[in-house]
Amino acid sequence: MKRSVITGTGAYIPSLVKANKDFVGSEFYSEQNEPIDVPSEIIVEKFKAITGIEERRYAESSLSTSDMAALASKEAIQMSGVDPETIDQIIVAHNFGDIVKGSIQSDAVPALASRVKHLLGIKNPSCIAYDLLFGCPGWLQGVIQADAFFKAGVAHKALIIGAETLSRIIDTHDRDSMIFSDGAGACILEYKDSDEYTGSGILGSSVQSHCNDEAYYINMGCSYLPGSPEEVRYIKMKGRKVYEYAVKHVPIAMKECLDKNGIDIKELKKVFIHQANEKMDEAMMNRLYKSYNTIAPEHIMPMSIHWLGNSSVATIPTLLDLVLRGKQEGHTLTAGDVVLFASVGAGMNINAVAYRM
């Protein structure tokens, strides 16, 4: 049988470090445009306790989202050994396009995927380049989508990228802005022969969208600073709502992915969850294992949020690349290991993919 197999990964981690201490002295305001009457030192300390974030990475001013996407792609292509001209699809997951440093305007024409294809120098017109908007689960949705195209017989190799420069759309007067960061992660996915019981590849997936009360938990809104221009918009998040939603619904999607594909939770070697919030990820993991009347094993969940922050679509492919390259202390993968990917984000959208290495 054939399965969709990850044959290469890559990442671009920006060099500019923004530590928590750099936010001390910031003027934070509430959603009601009122000053938060708490010293910024206390706000930053509480933020770390809740999210686990100690520092994050911001893109250099000379780099755009598509630039970082191309840099991550080059690493993935090199690891896979594929000829770039044989790639059938380039899928770039993002949410805000390219944003010039110092600007707040999103630029997604041409598509970021077209820009990446241009930067990689791929000339083959049958290599189709397009973007995917699906919130933070975008990269994983790109993997699911490429897998579907493979099964339909219209493609055999895909380059799937998640890239974002969230630092350029944050309201610095919003304490939630400290969670966001920049980066890019990529993979090469190929449709290859695979043993039904032991072979590598995607074993199954699960996807959900909740777009009623949940639709605007993450959206674009005005700065919290009184008197700010109403026409300028920044990324906004109802943190408590997102937390409650994720903890309730993500474990259900993860369990559905495992159960409908006949995977025993005891088979899982690692779970790669979107790096949004350490406490939230731990809560989702504990609830998943509790649904099977068991306890999550130690070291089951690699974490990069402490030093990379939340780079949206880039978090999972970046984390996977770190583990595969032996750069994530305490975490390794070997052939035959079963892993689970899961993500949640604006929409609100959720997805999960079971995969055998």
Protein backbone atom coordinates (compact mmCIF):
# COMPACT_ATOMS: atom_id res chain seq x y z
CA MET A 1 0.00 0.00 0.00
CA LYS A 2 0.99 3.65 -0.28
CA ARG A 3 1.18 6.25 2.46
CA SER A 4 2.14 9.89 2.75
CA VAL A 5 5.61 9.95 4.28
CA ILE A 6 7.59 12.89 5.68
CA THR A 7 11.01 12.56 4.06
CA GLY A 8 12.53 15.88 5.11
CA THR A 9 12.00 18.70 7.58
CA GLY A 10 13.44 22.17 8.00
CA ALA A 11 13.01 25.26 10.14
CA TYR A 12 14.06 28.86 10.34
CA ILE A 13 14.42 30.19 13.89
CA PRO A 14 14.98 33.97 13.90
CA SER A 15 18.08 35.29 15.64
CA LEU A 16 16.47 38.19 17.51
CA VAL A 17 15.68 37.16 21.09
CA LYS A 18 12.93 38.97 22.98
CA ALA A 19 13.11 37.99 26.65
CA ASN A 20 10.38 38.50 29.23
CA LYS A 21 12.47 41.14 30.96
CA ASP A 22 12.24 43.26 27.82
CA PHE A 23 8.53 43.79 28.55
CA VAL A 24 9.14 45.20 32.02
CA GLY A 25 8.22 48.88 31.87
CA SER A 26 5.56 48.36 29.20
CA GLU A 27 2.23 50.18 29.57
CA PHE A 28 -0.51 47.56 29.43
CA TYR A 29 -4.19 48.37 29.05
CA SER A 30 -7.36 46.30 29.39
CA GLU A 31 -9.87 45.53 26.66
CA GLN A 32 -11.86 48.47 28.06
CA ASN A 33 -8.89 50.80 27.31
CA GLU A 34 -8.16 51.26 30.99
CA PRO A 35 -4.63 51.09 32.46
CA ILE A 36 -3.94 47.78 34.21
CA ASP A 37 -3.15 48.89 37.74
CA VAL A 38 -0.52 46.22 38.35
CA PRO A 39 3.25 46.72 38.04
CA SER A 40 4.55 45.42 34.72
CA GLU A 41 7.02 43.20 36.60
CA ILE A 42 4.09 41.33 38.19
CA ILE A 43 2.25 41.07 34.86
CA VAL A 44 5.32 39.56 33.19
CA GLU A 45 5.88 37.17 36.11
CA LYS A 46 2.28 35.93 36.00
CA PHE A 47 2.50 35.59 32.22
CA LYS A 48 5.48 33.23 32.52
CA ALA A 49 3.73 31.16 35.21
CA ILE A 50 0.68 30.68 32.97
CA THR A 51 2.27 30.20 29.55
CA GLY A 52 5.73 28.85 30.37
CA ILE A 53 7.27 31.37 27.96
CA GLU A 54 10.60 32.87 29.01
CA GLU A 55 11.65 34.27 25.64
CA ARG A 56 10.58 34.30 22.02
CA ARG A 57 12.11 34.98 18.60
CA TYR A 58 11.37 37.95 16.34
CA ALA A 59 12.30 38.08 12.65
CA GLU A 60 15.13 40.31 11.51
CA SER A 61 13.83 43.50 9.85
CA SER A 62 15.26 42.39 6.48
CA LEU A 63 13.24 39.17 6.42
CA SER A 64 9.60 38.60 5.50
CA THR A 65 7.35 35.64 6.23
CA SER A 66 7.95 34.25 2.73
CA ASP A 67 11.72 34.68 3.14
CA MET A 68 11.69 32.57 6.30
CA ALA A 69 9.41 30.05 4.59
CA ALA A 70 11.93 29.65 1.77
CA LEU A 71 14.84 29.23 4.20
CA ALA A 72 12.99 26.48 6.09
CA SER A 73 12.04 24.86 2.78
CA LYS A 74 15.65 24.65 1.63
CA GLU A 75 16.52 22.64 4.73
CA ALA A 76 13.56 20.29 4.21
CA ILE A 77 14.44 19.75 0.54
CA GLN A 78 18.08 19.07 1.42
CA MET A 79 17.15 16.50 4.07
CA SER A 80 14.70 14.72 1.75
CA GLY A 81 17.07 14.65 -1.21
CA VAL A 82 14.26 15.37 -3.68
CA ASP A 83 14.80 17.34 -6.86
CA PRO A 84 12.80 20.58 -6.30
CA GLU A 85 11.58 20.42 -9.90
CA THR A 86 9.69 17.18 -9.05
CA ILE A 87 7.60 18.80 -6.30
CA ASP A 88 3.93 18.81 -7.32
CA GLN A 89 2.57 21.24 -4.74
CA ILE A 90 3.85 24.02 -2.50
CA ILE A 91 1.42 24.79 0.32
CA VAL A 92 2.16 27.73 2.60
CA ALA A 93 0.09 28.04 5.76
CA HIS A 94 0.05 31.52 7.27
CA ASN A 95 -2.50 34.04 8.51
CA PHE A 96 -1.18 37.51 7.75
CA GLY A 97 0.96 37.32 4.63
CA ASP A 98 4.16 39.33 4.33
CA ILE A 99 4.30 42.40 6.56
CA VAL A 100 7.09 44.92 6.12
CA LYS A 101 8.81 45.78 9.40
CA GLY A 102 7.27 48.99 10.72
CA SER A 103 4.07 48.49 8.73
CA ILE A 104 0.78 46.95 9.79
CA GLN A 105 -0.41 46.13 6.27
CA SER A 106 -0.74 42.51 5.22
CA ASP A 107 0.53 41.61 1.75
CA ALA A 108 -0.59 38.30 0.26
CA VAL A 109 -0.59 39.12 -3.46
CA PRO A 110 1.04 37.21 -5.00
CA ALA A 111 0.45 34.26 -2.71
CA LEU A 112 3.29 33.48 -0.32
CA ALA A 113 3.55 30.05 -1.93
CA SER A 114 4.22 31.74 -5.28
CA ARG A 115 6.94 33.82 -3.62
CA VAL A 116 8.49 30.71 -2.09
CA LYS A 117 8.48 28.92 -5.45
CA HIS A 118 10.17 31.98 -6.95
CA LEU A 119 12.78 32.15 -4.18
CA LEU A 120 13.53 28.43 -4.58
CA GLY A 121 13.98 28.91 -8.34
CA ILE A 122 11.52 26.14 -9.25
CA LYS A 123 10.57 26.50 -12.92
CA ASN A 124 8.23 23.51 -13.38
CA PRO A 125 4.75 24.99 -14.18
CA SER A 126 3.12 21.78 -12.94
CA CYS A 127 4.35 22.60 -9.43
CA ILE A 128 1.22 24.29 -8.07
CA ALA A 129 1.78 26.92 -5.38
CA TYR A 130 -1.02 28.12 -3.11
CA ASP A 131 -1.69 29.43 0.38
CA LEU A 132 -3.80 27.99 3.18
CA LEU A 133 -5.56 30.03 5.87
CA PHE A 134 -6.70 27.88 8.78
CA GLY A 135 -5.43 29.62 11.89
CA CYS A 136 -2.66 28.00 13.91
CA PRO A 137 -3.57 24.48 12.65
CA GLY A 138 -2.73 25.60 9.11
CA TRP A 139 0.49 23.62 8.62
CA LEU A 140 -1.10 20.42 9.86
CA GLN A 141 -4.13 21.07 7.65
CA GLY A 142 -1.74 21.43 4.73
CA VAL A 143 -0.37 17.98 5.52
CA ILE A 144 -3.92 16.58 5.62
CA GLN A 145 -4.78 18.31 2.35
CA ALA A 146 -1.66 17.07 0.56
CA ASP A 147 -2.42 13.54 1.76
CA ALA A 148 -5.89 13.83 0.19
CA PHE A 149 -4.41 15.01 -3.13
CA PHE A 150 -2.00 12.08 -3.07
CA LYS A 151 -4.83 9.61 -2.54
CA ALA A 152 -6.75 11.24 -5.39
CA GLY A 153 -3.80 10.54 -7.68
CA VAL A 154 -3.12 14.15 -8.69
CA ALA A 155 0.14 14.66 -6.76
CA HIS A 156 2.99 12.64 -5.30
CA LYS A 157 5.31 15.16 -3.66
CA ALA A 158 4.47 18.27 -1.67
CA LEU A 159 6.33 20.97 0.20
CA ILE A 160 4.24 22.10 3.17
CA ILE A 161 5.30 25.19 5.12
CA GLY A 162 4.04 27.08 8.15
CA ALA A 163 5.45 30.60 8.54
CA GLU A 164 4.47 33.75 10.40
CA THR A 165 5.76 37.14 11.60
CA LEU A 166 3.32 37.77 14.43
CA SER A 167 5.65 40.33 16.03
CA ARG A 168 4.59 42.77 13.31
CA ILE A 169 0.86 42.68 14.08
CA ILE A 170 0.86 42.76 17.87
CA ASP A 171 -0.53 45.53 20.05
CA THR A 172 2.31 46.24 22.47
CA HIS A 173 -0.22 47.60 24.99
CA ASP A 174 -1.99 44.22 25.14
CA ARG A 175 -0.39 41.81 27.64
CA ASP A 176 -1.51 38.85 25.50
CA SER A 177 0.90 40.10 22.81
CA MET A 178 3.79 38.65 24.81
CA ILE A 179 2.76 35.15 23.74
CA PHE A 180 3.42 35.66 20.03
CA SER A 181 6.62 35.13 18.03
CA ASP A 182 7.99 34.57 14.53
CA GLY A 183 9.40 31.58 12.67
CA ALA A 184 8.98 29.03 9.90
CA GLY A 185 8.86 25.24 9.66
CA ALA A 186 8.55 22.99 6.62
CA CYS A 187 8.40 19.40 5.47
CA ILE A 188 8.56 17.38 2.28
CA LEU A 189 5.70 14.89 2.06
CA GLU A 190 5.92 12.04 -0.48
CA TYR A 191 3.50 9.30 -1.49
CA LYS A 192 5.51 6.08 -1.13
CA ASP A 193 5.08 2.34 -0.81
CA SER A 194 4.64 1.41 2.84
CA ASP A 195 3.95 -1.80 4.72
CA GLU A 196 0.36 -1.82 5.99
CA TYR A 197 1.32 -2.78 9.55
CA THR A 198 4.83 -1.46 10.08
CA GLY A 199 5.50 1.08 7.34
CA SER A 200 5.99 4.81 7.75
CA GLY A 201 3.40 7.44 6.93
CA ILE A 202 0.11 9.04 7.85
CA LEU A 203 -2.21 6.60 9.61
CA GLY A 204 -5.24 8.87 9.86
CA SER A 205 -6.56 12.30 10.74
CA SER A 206 -9.40 14.20 12.36
CA VAL A 207 -10.56 17.79 11.77
CA GLN A 208 -13.18 20.02 13.41
CA SER A 209 -14.37 23.62 13.02
CA HIS A 210 -16.50 25.43 15.62
CA CYS A 211 -17.69 28.72 14.14
CA ASN A 212 -20.61 29.81 16.28
CA ASP A 213 -19.81 31.53 19.57
CA GLU A 214 -16.19 30.47 19.04
CA ALA A 215 -15.64 32.17 15.66
CA TYR A 216 -14.16 35.40 17.06
CA TYR A 217 -12.17 34.11 20.03
CA ILE A 218 -9.13 35.16 17.97
CA ASN A 219 -9.63 38.12 15.66
CA MET A 220 -8.32 41.51 14.56
CA GLY A 221 -9.09 44.57 16.68
CA CYS A 222 -8.02 48.08 17.70
CA SER A 223 -5.17 48.80 20.08
CA TYR A 224 -6.07 48.90 23.75
CA LEU A 225 -4.19 52.20 24.05
CA PRO A 226 -6.79 55.00 24.41
CA GLY A 227 -6.92 57.32 21.41
CA SER A 228 -5.32 54.85 18.98
CA PRO A 229 -6.48 55.00 15.33
CA GLU A 230 -9.55 52.80 14.86
CA GLU A 231 -8.54 51.86 11.31
CA VAL A 232 -5.34 50.12 12.50
CA ARG A 233 -5.93 46.54 13.58
CA TYR A 234 -3.89 44.07 15.59
CA ILE A 235 -4.22 40.42 16.51
CA LYS A 236 -6.51 39.97 19.53
CA MET A 237 -7.29 36.90 21.61
CA LYS A 238 -9.84 36.07 24.28
CA GLY A 239 -7.31 34.07 26.26
CA ARG A 240 -9.63 32.45 28.79
CA LYS A 241 -12.16 31.48 26.10
CA VAL A 242 -9.43 29.94 23.92
CA TYR A 243 -8.04 28.00 26.88
CA GLU A 244 -11.44 26.58 27.86
CA TYR A 245 -12.30 25.74 24.26
CA ALA A 246 -9.00 23.99 23.57
CA VAL A 247 -8.98 21.93 26.75
CA LYS A 248 -12.53 20.76 26.06
CA HIS A 249 -12.41 20.04 22.32
CA VAL A 250 -8.84 19.21 21.29
CA PRO A 251 -8.61 15.96 23.32
CA ILE A 252 -11.88 14.84 21.70
CA ALA A 253 -10.41 15.31 18.21
CA MET A 254 -7.19 13.59 19.23
CA LYS A 255 -9.11 10.62 20.64
CA GLU A 256 -11.27 10.44 17.52
CA CYS A 257 -8.13 10.31 15.36
CA LEU A 258 -6.71 7.42 17.37
CA ASP A 259 -9.94 5.44 17.77
CA LYS A 260 -11.18 5.56 14.19
CA ASN A 261 -7.80 4.36 12.97
CA GLY A 262 -7.46 1.57 15.54
CA ILE A 263 -4.46 3.04 17.33
CA ASP A 264 -3.96 2.14 20.97
CA ILE A 265 -2.89 5.17 22.99
CA LYS A 266 -0.17 2.98 24.52
CA GLU A 267 1.48 2.92 21.08
CA LEU A 268 2.18 6.66 21.16
CA LYS A 269 5.84 7.59 21.58
CA LYS A 270 5.43 11.36 21.24
CA VAL A 271 2.63 13.89 20.94
CA PHE A 272 3.42 17.11 19.08
CA ILE A 273 0.91 19.77 20.17
CA HIS A 274 0.79 23.33 18.84
CA GLN A 275 3.00 25.38 21.15
CA ALA A 276 0.40 27.91 22.33
CA ASN A 277 0.54 27.80 26.10
CA GLU A 278 2.38 25.32 28.34
CA LYS A 279 -0.41 24.95 30.89
CA MET A 280 -3.01 24.56 28.15
CA ASP A 281 -0.98 21.91 26.33
CA GLU A 282 -0.45 19.99 29.56
CA ALA A 283 -4.16 20.18 30.36
CA MET A 284 -5.09 18.86 26.90
CA MET A 285 -2.60 16.02 27.22
CA ASN A 286 -3.84 15.03 30.67
CA ARG A 287 -7.46 15.09 29.52
CA LEU A 288 -6.64 12.91 26.49
CA TYR A 289 -5.02 10.24 28.66
CA LYS A 290 -7.74 10.53 31.28
CA SER A 291 -10.29 9.65 28.57
CA TYR A 292 -8.49 6.29 28.34
CA ASN A 293 -8.37 5.93 32.13
CA THR A 294 -4.62 6.24 32.21
CA ILE A 295 -1.90 8.83 32.93
CA ALA A 296 0.25 10.61 30.36
CA PRO A 297 3.79 9.15 30.32
CA GLU A 298 6.69 11.38 31.26
CA HIS A 299 8.47 12.99 28.29
CA ILE A 300 5.59 12.19 25.92
CA MET A 301 5.24 15.83 24.86
CA PRO A 302 8.22 17.83 23.50
CA MET A 303 7.99 21.55 24.28
CA SER A 304 9.68 24.51 22.59
CA ILE A 305 7.41 27.29 23.81
CA HIS A 306 9.76 28.22 26.66
CA TRP A 307 12.32 29.71 24.28
CA LEU A 308 10.45 30.06 20.98
CA GLY A 309 7.04 31.34 22.09
CA ASN A 310 3.95 30.86 19.94
CA SER A 311 4.79 31.22 16.23
CA SER A 312 1.35 29.95 15.16
CA VAL A 313 1.54 27.67 12.09
CA ALA A 314 5.30 27.28 12.51
CA THR A 315 5.33 25.68 15.97
CA ILE A 316 4.68 22.02 15.11
CA PRO A 317 6.96 21.70 12.03
CA THR A 318 9.71 23.57 13.88
CA LEU A 319 9.39 21.31 16.92
CA LEU A 320 9.38 18.19 14.73
CA ASP A 321 12.53 19.38 12.96
CA LEU A 322 14.27 20.04 16.29
CA VAL A 323 13.49 16.51 17.50
CA LEU A 324 14.50 14.81 14.24
CA ARG A 325 17.80 16.70 14.19
CA GLY A 326 18.55 15.80 17.83
CA LYS A 327 18.25 19.40 19.00
CA GLN A 328 15.44 18.87 21.52
CA GLU A 329 17.02 17.52 24.70
CA GLY A 330 15.41 14.37 26.07
CA HIS A 331 13.44 13.61 22.90
CA THR A 332 14.31 11.24 20.06
CA LEU A 333 12.39 9.28 17.45
CA THR A 334 13.20 6.00 15.73
CA ALA A 335 11.69 4.12 12.79
CA GLY A 336 8.35 2.59 13.69
CA ASP A 337 7.49 5.07 16.45
CA VAL A 338 3.87 6.24 16.37
CA VAL A 339 3.31 9.94 17.03
CA LEU A 340 0.29 12.20 17.18
CA PHE A 341 0.18 15.79 15.92
CA ALA A 342 -2.57 18.15 17.11
CA SER A 343 -3.32 21.84 16.80
CA VAL A 344 -5.96 24.44 17.61
CA GLY A 345 -6.45 28.02 16.53
CA ALA A 346 -8.50 30.81 15.02
CA GLY A 347 -11.75 29.80 13.41
CA MET A 348 -11.96 28.03 15.80
CA ASN A 349 -10.31 25.07 14.12
CA ILE A 350 -8.82 21.82 15.44
CA ASN A 351 -6.98 18.99 13.72
CA ALA A 352 -5.01 15.87 14.58
CA VAL A 353 -2.85 13.47 12.57
CA ALA A 354 -1.55 10.06 13.60
CA TYR A 355 1.77 9.16 11.98
CA ARG A 356 4.26 6.27 12.05
CA MET A 357 7.92 7.26 11.69
